[in-house]
Amino acid sequence: KLKFHVVIFNHVLMYMTKYEIEHTFQFLKKKNKNLKIIIGISKVNFISKIAALLSLSLNAHKGIVSNPSIQKKIIFKYG
């Protein structure tokens, strides 16, 4: 019964499969067709991998299941 007008996804889509992202966006848009979605997309690249190594955060990118390209396609589909 919650009502919302804005939902924020900040660096979380990368941990969701394509199906999970699409299902979530469909559900949210069904609840409110005028919903505004704010998204921060994380990009794992060479520099971020070096930073993880230097900070001894060797598991920093563990669990990533979708890349920015897939995320952007879905975002533009439901945006």
Protein backbone atom coordinates (compact mmCIF):
# COMPACT_ATOMS: atom_id res chain seq x y z
CA LYS A 1 0.00 0.00 0.00
CA LEU A 2 3.04 2.25 -0.17
CA LYS A 3 2.82 5.20 -2.52
CA PHE A 4 5.98 6.63 -3.99
CA HIS A 5 6.93 9.03 -6.75
CA VAL A 6 10.70 8.58 -6.83
CA VAL A 7 12.87 5.47 -6.47
CA ILE A 8 16.67 5.59 -6.28
CA PHE A 9 18.95 2.75 -7.39
CA ASN A 10 22.54 3.68 -6.55
CA HIS A 11 25.12 1.12 -7.68
CA VAL A 12 22.81 -1.86 -7.12
CA LEU A 13 21.68 -2.88 -10.61
CA MET A 14 25.02 -4.58 -11.23
CA TYR A 15 24.07 -7.18 -8.61
CA MET A 16 20.79 -7.97 -10.37
CA THR A 17 20.25 -10.18 -13.40
CA LYS A 18 18.65 -8.78 -16.54
CA TYR A 19 15.41 -10.54 -15.59
CA GLU A 20 15.47 -9.12 -12.04
CA ILE A 21 16.03 -5.56 -13.31
CA GLU A 22 13.24 -5.82 -15.88
CA HIS A 23 10.84 -7.43 -13.41
CA THR A 24 11.57 -4.74 -10.81
CA PHE A 25 11.05 -1.88 -13.29
CA GLN A 26 7.82 -3.46 -14.59
CA PHE A 27 6.52 -3.81 -11.04
CA LEU A 28 7.42 -0.23 -10.13
CA LYS A 29 5.94 1.26 -13.30
CA LYS A 30 2.77 -0.77 -12.77
CA LYS A 31 2.41 0.81 -9.31
CA ASN A 32 2.97 4.33 -10.65
CA LYS A 33 3.26 4.98 -14.38
CA ASN A 34 4.64 8.49 -13.69
CA LEU A 35 7.32 7.19 -11.34
CA LYS A 36 10.72 8.87 -11.55
CA ILE A 37 13.68 6.53 -11.24
CA ILE A 38 17.12 7.87 -10.34
CA ILE A 39 19.96 5.48 -11.16
CA GLY A 40 23.67 5.46 -10.42
CA ILE A 41 25.45 2.95 -12.63
CA SER A 42 28.73 1.49 -11.47
CA LYS A 43 31.38 0.79 -14.02
CA VAL A 44 34.00 -1.83 -13.32
CA ASN A 45 37.02 -0.94 -15.39
CA PHE A 46 40.79 -1.18 -15.27
CA ILE A 47 41.17 1.79 -12.91
CA SER A 48 38.56 0.51 -10.45
CA LYS A 49 40.25 -2.90 -10.46
CA ILE A 50 43.62 -1.29 -9.68
CA ALA A 51 42.01 0.75 -6.89
CA ALA A 52 40.50 -2.42 -5.42
CA LEU A 53 43.88 -4.13 -5.56
CA LEU A 54 45.74 -1.19 -3.97
CA SER A 55 43.17 -0.96 -1.17
CA LEU A 56 43.37 -4.73 -0.63
CA SER A 57 39.67 -5.04 -1.41
CA LEU A 58 40.14 -8.15 -3.50
CA ASN A 59 36.45 -9.05 -3.40
CA ALA A 60 35.28 -5.54 -4.34
CA HIS A 61 33.70 -6.65 -7.61
CA LYS A 62 32.54 -10.08 -6.55
CA GLY A 63 28.90 -10.81 -7.25
CA ILE A 64 28.44 -8.55 -10.28
CA VAL A 65 25.99 -10.21 -12.67
CA SER A 66 25.05 -7.47 -15.16
CA ASN A 67 27.20 -4.98 -17.00
CA PRO A 68 26.47 -1.30 -17.69
CA SER A 69 25.52 -2.04 -21.30
CA ILE A 70 22.71 -4.41 -20.28
CA GLN A 71 21.60 -2.04 -17.53
CA LYS A 72 21.40 0.95 -19.93
CA LYS A 73 19.27 -1.00 -22.43
CA ILE A 74 16.75 -1.85 -19.76
CA ILE A 75 16.80 1.66 -18.28
CA PHE A 76 16.03 3.24 -21.65
CA LYS A 77 13.30 0.67 -22.26
CA TYR A 78 11.45 1.60 -19.08
CA GLY A 79 12.64 5.20 -18.71
